[in-house]
Amino acid sequence: MNRIRDVVQKALATGYLTVEAENQLRQLLTTPYDLEDLNAFMALQEAAMTGKVKQESRERCGIKK
């Protein structure tokens, strides 16, 4: 199984977070994870808030940043 940081790294590299990746993150966040994964997740949240990463789920709902 992937780690949170692996999913985040792909989203940061592409600038895009797919619905599949969001669901994978939800699953991974319910299991034990380390500080590096937590820091990666926080970096992803910041990137999404600042528009550096677009979220497929928000595009589908018509929510714009």
C-alpha atoms as a PDB file:
ATOM      1  CA  MET A   1       0.000   0.000   0.000  1.00  0.00           C
ATOM      2  CA  ASN A   2       1.136   3.534  -0.667  1.00  0.00           C
ATOM      3  CA  ARG A   3       2.130   5.909   2.049  1.00  0.00           C
ATOM      4  CA  ILE A   4       0.518   9.315   2.491  1.00  0.00           C
ATOM      5  CA  ARG A   5       3.736  10.988   1.355  1.00  0.00           C
ATOM      6  CA  ASP A   6       3.704   8.985  -1.889  1.00  0.00           C
ATOM      7  CA  VAL A   7       0.198  10.157  -2.774  1.00  0.00           C
ATOM      8  CA  VAL A   8       1.090  13.727  -1.801  1.00  0.00           C
ATOM      9  CA  GLN A   9       4.311  13.703  -3.799  1.00  0.00           C
ATOM     10  CA  LYS A  10       2.413  12.720  -6.946  1.00  0.00           C
ATOM     11  CA  ALA A  11      -0.195  15.442  -6.406  1.00  0.00           C
ATOM     12  CA  LEU A  12       2.464  18.089  -5.794  1.00  0.00           C
ATOM     13  CA  ALA A  13       4.432  16.972  -8.861  1.00  0.00           C
ATOM     14  CA  THR A  14       1.403  17.061 -11.160  1.00  0.00           C
ATOM     15  CA  GLY A  15      -0.409  19.963  -9.512  1.00  0.00           C
ATOM     16  CA  TYR A  16      -3.553  17.848  -9.457  1.00  0.00           C
ATOM     17  CA  LEU A  17      -5.292  15.699  -6.847  1.00  0.00           C
ATOM     18  CA  THR A  18      -7.628  13.110  -8.331  1.00  0.00           C
ATOM     19  CA  VAL A  19     -10.752  11.814  -6.632  1.00  0.00           C
ATOM     20  CA  GLU A  20      -9.063   8.420  -6.460  1.00  0.00           C
ATOM     21  CA  ALA A  21      -6.068   9.949  -4.652  1.00  0.00           C
ATOM     22  CA  GLU A  22      -8.377  11.797  -2.237  1.00  0.00           C
ATOM     23  CA  ASN A  23     -10.116   8.525  -1.392  1.00  0.00           C
ATOM     24  CA  GLN A  24      -6.766   6.825  -0.950  1.00  0.00           C
ATOM     25  CA  LEU A  25      -5.682   9.586   1.448  1.00  0.00           C
ATOM     26  CA  ARG A  26      -8.892   9.192   3.450  1.00  0.00           C
ATOM     27  CA  GLN A  27      -8.154   5.488   3.808  1.00  0.00           C
ATOM     28  CA  LEU A  28      -4.491   6.034   4.710  1.00  0.00           C
ATOM     29  CA  LEU A  29      -5.373   8.636   7.322  1.00  0.00           C
ATOM     30  CA  THR A  30      -7.379   6.005   9.222  1.00  0.00           C
ATOM     31  CA  THR A  31      -4.257   3.865   9.684  1.00  0.00           C
ATOM     32  CA  PRO A  32      -1.135   4.618  11.737  1.00  0.00           C
ATOM     33  CA  TYR A  33       1.218   7.060  10.016  1.00  0.00           C
ATOM     34  CA  ASP A  34       4.421   8.844  10.938  1.00  0.00           C
ATOM     35  CA  LEU A  35       5.447  12.480  11.231  1.00  0.00           C
ATOM     36  CA  GLU A  36       6.797  12.572   7.682  1.00  0.00           C
ATOM     37  CA  ASP A  37       3.381  11.516   6.351  1.00  0.00           C
ATOM     38  CA  LEU A  38       1.644  14.102   8.522  1.00  0.00           C
ATOM     39  CA  ASN A  39       3.978  16.848   7.289  1.00  0.00           C
ATOM     40  CA  ALA A  40       3.387  15.771   3.692  1.00  0.00           C
ATOM     41  CA  PHE A  41      -0.377  15.896   4.201  1.00  0.00           C
ATOM     42  CA  MET A  42      -0.142  19.386   5.699  1.00  0.00           C
ATOM     43  CA  ALA A  43       1.981  20.497   2.723  1.00  0.00           C
ATOM     44  CA  LEU A  44      -0.721  19.166   0.391  1.00  0.00           C
ATOM     45  CA  GLN A  45      -3.414  21.061   2.289  1.00  0.00           C
ATOM     46  CA  GLU A  46      -1.431  24.279   1.974  1.00  0.00           C
ATOM     47  CA  ALA A  47      -0.817  23.675  -1.733  1.00  0.00           C
ATOM     48  CA  ALA A  48      -4.538  23.122  -2.295  1.00  0.00           C
ATOM     49  CA  MET A  49      -5.461  26.254  -0.331  1.00  0.00           C
ATOM     50  CA  THR A  50      -3.015  28.399  -2.298  1.00  0.00           C
ATOM     51  CA  GLY A  51      -4.042  26.966  -5.663  1.00  0.00           C
ATOM     52  CA  LYS A  52      -0.791  25.136  -6.371  1.00  0.00           C
ATOM     53  CA  VAL A  53      -2.739  21.875  -6.481  1.00  0.00           C
ATOM     54  CA  LYS A  54      -6.166  21.611  -8.065  1.00  0.00           C
ATOM     55  CA  GLN A  55      -8.691  19.094  -6.772  1.00  0.00           C
ATOM     56  CA  GLU A  56     -10.704  17.035  -9.222  1.00  0.00           C
ATOM     57  CA  SER A  57     -13.554  16.752  -6.712  1.00  0.00           C
ATOM     58  CA  ARG A  58     -13.908  20.529  -6.497  1.00  0.00           C
ATOM     59  CA  GLU A  59     -13.849  20.866 -10.275  1.00  0.00           C
ATOM     60  CA  ARG A  60     -16.645  18.294 -10.559  1.00  0.00           C
ATOM     61  CA  CYS A  61     -18.765  20.229  -8.057  1.00  0.00           C
ATOM     62  CA  GLY A  62     -18.029  23.554  -9.708  1.00  0.00           C
ATOM     63  CA  ILE A  63     -16.220  24.938  -6.667  1.00  0.00           C
ATOM     64  CA  LYS A  64     -13.531  27.378  -7.740  1.00  0.00           C
ATOM     65  CA  LYS A  65     -10.505  28.661  -5.897  1.00  0.00           C
END
